[in-house]
Protein backbone atom coordinates (compact mmCIF):
# COMPACT_ATOMS: atom_id res chain seq x y z
CA ALA A 1 -66.40 -90.48 87.68
CA SER A 2 -66.35 -86.52 86.14
CA GLY A 3 -64.48 -85.89 83.33
CA TYR A 4 -63.62 -83.01 81.37
CA ASP A 5 -63.49 -83.52 77.05
CA SER A 6 -61.62 -80.53 75.46
CA THR A 7 -61.73 -81.81 71.60
CA MET A 8 -65.43 -80.77 71.14
CA SER A 9 -64.90 -77.90 74.36
CA GLU A 10 -65.86 -74.87 72.50
CA ILE A 11 -68.87 -73.22 74.78
CA ALA A 12 -67.52 -69.49 74.84
CA ASN A 13 -67.21 -69.79 70.89
CA SER A 14 -71.16 -71.83 70.42
CA ARG A 15 -73.01 -68.97 72.75
CA GLU A 16 -70.74 -66.40 71.24
CA ALA A 17 -71.78 -67.70 67.54
CA PHE A 18 -75.53 -68.00 68.73
CA ASN A 19 -75.87 -64.35 70.06
CA GLN A 20 -74.20 -63.42 67.12
CA ILE A 21 -76.95 -65.30 64.77
CA VAL A 22 -79.78 -64.04 67.02
CA ALA A 23 -78.60 -60.48 66.19
CA ASP A 24 -77.87 -60.93 62.82
CA LEU A 25 -81.91 -62.17 62.50
CA GLY A 26 -82.56 -59.39 63.88
CA LEU A 27 -84.04 -60.68 67.21
CA GLN A 28 -83.99 -60.44 70.89
CA TYR A 29 -82.50 -62.63 73.21
CA ILE A 30 -82.58 -63.45 76.98
CA TYR A 31 -80.88 -65.75 78.96
CA ILE A 32 -82.41 -68.30 81.20
CA GLY A 33 -80.37 -70.26 84.00
CA GLY A 34 -81.01 -73.26 85.78
CA ARG A 35 -82.88 -72.37 88.20
CA HIS A 36 -85.43 -69.39 86.41
CA LEU A 37 -85.78 -73.08 83.85
CA THR A 38 -86.84 -74.95 86.85
CA ASP A 39 -88.69 -72.55 88.35
CA GLY A 40 -90.98 -71.80 84.89
CA ALA A 41 -89.19 -69.04 83.31
CA LEU A 42 -90.11 -70.51 79.75
CA LYS A 43 -93.91 -69.93 80.01
CA GLN A 44 -93.51 -67.08 82.08
CA GLU A 45 -91.71 -65.09 79.45
CA LYS A 46 -93.24 -66.93 76.61
CA VAL A 47 -90.78 -68.79 74.63
CA LYS A 48 -90.42 -70.01 71.68
CA LEU A 49 -87.10 -70.96 70.85
CA LEU A 50 -84.82 -72.13 73.40
CA ILE A 51 -81.44 -72.57 72.37
CA LEU A 52 -78.79 -74.82 74.13
CA PRO A 53 -75.42 -73.53 73.00
CA TYR A 54 -73.21 -77.05 73.45
CA CYS A 55 -74.97 -77.67 76.80
CA GLN A 56 -73.47 -81.08 77.61
CA ALA A 57 -74.37 -80.79 81.14
CA MET A 58 -77.56 -80.50 83.15
CA SER A 59 -80.23 -81.77 86.19
CA GLU A 60 -82.62 -83.61 85.49
CA ALA A 61 -84.98 -81.19 86.82
CA GLU A 62 -83.46 -79.26 84.03
CA ALA A 63 -83.84 -81.58 81.25
CA THR A 64 -87.50 -82.21 82.71
CA ALA A 65 -88.26 -78.70 82.22
CA ILE A 66 -87.22 -78.70 78.20
CA ARG A 67 -89.16 -81.87 77.32
CA THR A 68 -92.56 -79.99 79.18
CA PHE A 69 -91.57 -76.59 76.52
CA VAL A 70 -91.40 -79.51 73.64
CA GLU A 71 -94.49 -81.01 74.38
CA ALA A 72 -96.56 -77.87 74.95
CA GLY A 73 -95.53 -76.70 71.56
CA GLY A 74 -91.88 -74.78 72.23
CA THR A 75 -88.73 -75.28 69.65
CA VAL A 76 -85.40 -76.45 71.23
CA LEU A 77 -82.29 -76.27 69.40
CA ALA A 78 -79.45 -77.70 70.18
CA ASP A 79 -75.54 -77.85 68.19
CA THR A 80 -73.79 -80.68 69.74
CA ARG A 81 -74.21 -82.81 72.50
CA PRO A 82 -76.94 -81.74 74.63
CA ALA A 83 -77.62 -83.52 78.26
CA VAL A 84 -75.30 -86.55 77.64
CA TRP A 85 -73.93 -85.26 81.57
CA ASN A 86 -75.80 -84.49 84.61
CA GLU A 87 -75.49 -80.83 86.07
CA HIS A 88 -72.11 -82.73 88.18
CA CYS A 89 -70.12 -83.81 84.81
CA ARG A 90 -70.85 -86.87 85.47
CA LYS A 91 -70.97 -88.87 81.85
CA LEU A 92 -75.03 -90.42 81.40
CA ASP A 93 -75.38 -93.64 80.44
CA LYS A 94 -78.16 -91.89 77.62
CA GLY A 95 -78.83 -88.69 76.98
CA TRP A 96 -81.41 -87.02 79.48
CA LEU A 97 -82.85 -85.26 75.63
CA ASP A 98 -82.28 -88.09 73.19
CA ASP A 99 -85.79 -88.83 72.64
CA VAL A 100 -86.93 -85.40 72.34
CA PHE A 101 -84.26 -84.74 69.72
CA GLY A 102 -85.36 -87.88 68.15
CA ILE A 103 -81.95 -89.71 68.28
CA ALA A 104 -79.59 -92.10 70.34
CA ARG A 105 -75.94 -92.74 70.62
CA ARG A 106 -73.39 -95.71 70.40
CA PRO A 107 -70.92 -96.32 72.29
CA MET A 108 -68.24 -94.94 72.00
CA ASP A 109 -64.58 -93.14 73.44
CA LYS A 110 -63.55 -91.17 70.33
CA TYR A 111 -67.21 -89.34 69.09
CA VAL A 112 -65.67 -87.05 66.97
CA ALA A 113 -65.80 -86.96 63.31
CA TYR A 114 -64.94 -83.99 60.94
CA GLY A 115 -65.74 -83.19 57.53
CA ASP A 116 -67.78 -81.09 55.46
CA LEU A 117 -71.42 -80.63 56.17
CA THR A 118 -73.46 -81.22 53.12
CA CYS A 119 -76.81 -80.61 52.63
CA VAL A 120 -79.00 -83.23 51.97
CA GLU A 121 -82.50 -82.09 52.10
CA ALA A 122 -83.41 -78.41 51.35
CA MET A 123 -83.37 -76.26 54.76
CA PRO A 124 -84.33 -72.24 54.47
CA GLY A 125 -81.69 -70.52 52.44
CA LEU A 126 -79.66 -73.83 51.97
CA PRO A 127 -80.22 -76.41 48.66
CA PRO A 128 -79.49 -79.43 48.59
CA GLY A 129 -75.76 -80.32 47.96
CA THR A 130 -74.58 -76.84 49.74
CA VAL A 131 -71.27 -77.41 51.58
CA ILE A 132 -69.96 -75.94 54.79
CA ASP A 133 -66.57 -76.98 55.09
CA ARG A 134 -64.53 -78.33 58.44
CA ALA A 135 -67.16 -79.16 60.32
CA THR A 136 -67.18 -81.59 63.05
CA ALA A 137 -70.41 -83.80 64.56
CA ASP A 138 -70.86 -86.25 66.80
CA GLN A 139 -71.04 -89.58 65.58
CA SER A 140 -72.37 -91.29 68.55
CA VAL A 141 -75.20 -90.05 66.70
CA MET A 142 -78.37 -91.89 65.52
CA ALA A 143 -81.44 -90.41 63.74
CA THR A 144 -84.36 -93.01 65.19
CA THR A 145 -87.57 -91.17 64.63
CA ALA A 146 -85.63 -87.18 63.68
CA LYS A 147 -84.81 -86.58 59.64
CA ALA A 148 -81.82 -85.78 58.95
CA HIS A 149 -81.16 -82.63 56.28
CA GLY A 150 -77.07 -82.66 56.61
CA ALA A 151 -74.14 -85.12 57.16
CA VAL A 152 -71.08 -84.20 58.13
CA ASP A 153 -68.52 -87.05 56.23
CA GLY A 154 -71.54 -89.65 56.24
CA LYS A 155 -73.00 -88.55 60.27
CA PRO A 156 -76.60 -87.41 60.23
CA ALA A 157 -76.67 -83.35 61.22
CA VAL A 158 -79.34 -80.83 60.99
CA LEU A 159 -81.73 -83.32 62.69
CA VAL A 160 -85.31 -82.11 62.88
CA ASN A 161 -87.92 -84.19 65.46
CA SER A 162 -91.66 -83.82 66.37
CA PHE A 163 -91.94 -83.88 69.88
CA GLY A 164 -95.30 -83.14 71.47
CA ARG A 165 -96.78 -80.40 69.82
CA GLY A 166 -93.31 -78.77 69.50
CA ARG A 167 -89.83 -79.97 67.76
CA ALA A 168 -86.41 -80.46 68.18
CA VAL A 169 -83.47 -79.38 66.30
CA LEU A 170 -80.21 -80.71 66.97
CA LEU A 171 -77.34 -79.41 64.65
CA ASN A 172 -74.75 -82.24 65.32
CA THR A 173 -72.27 -79.55 64.29
CA PHE A 174 -70.19 -76.94 65.76
CA VAL A 175 -71.23 -73.79 65.23
CA GLY A 176 -68.41 -71.58 66.60
CA ARG A 177 -67.64 -70.65 63.07
CA TYR A 178 -70.13 -68.93 62.28
CA GLU A 179 -68.36 -65.56 61.81
CA LEU A 180 -66.20 -67.81 58.67
CA CYS A 181 -69.42 -68.20 57.25
CA GLN A 182 -71.67 -64.83 57.08
């Protein structure tokens, strides 16, 4: 059965927050839809960084295109729960990009953890010990090959994983509150 989970359903806020982050960095961005993704737009447009704003649902072909992009040297950045549902919003047993992000997930119904995001490793502009209050995280996430640079209530956050010649970054926290952190 398909499902809608309103617990962390903030796709518009996530997309807008990422737009603002990219604009604040003085960078340009383009939107790429699913059909363009599977038709090779990442390579044609010479994309170096693909951002997945709260992109829980995608087709297997879209996930394959992202996997190929990262293997070839691209970087993918996601906030929370990428590719955990198929294109028909049916829950997957295993996220199609979990290995790309270097994670596994524990099965659970109540996956949202609340707490402060604490930097446990140095990140650009954020020394260890930096705290961002009132964060959420998917507590089902476990690092396998990824390294966690932060934690929300003890759950891994800002996970960085090498995959092929590229890199995958799973924030495992919601970016929709970006305007409060500026």
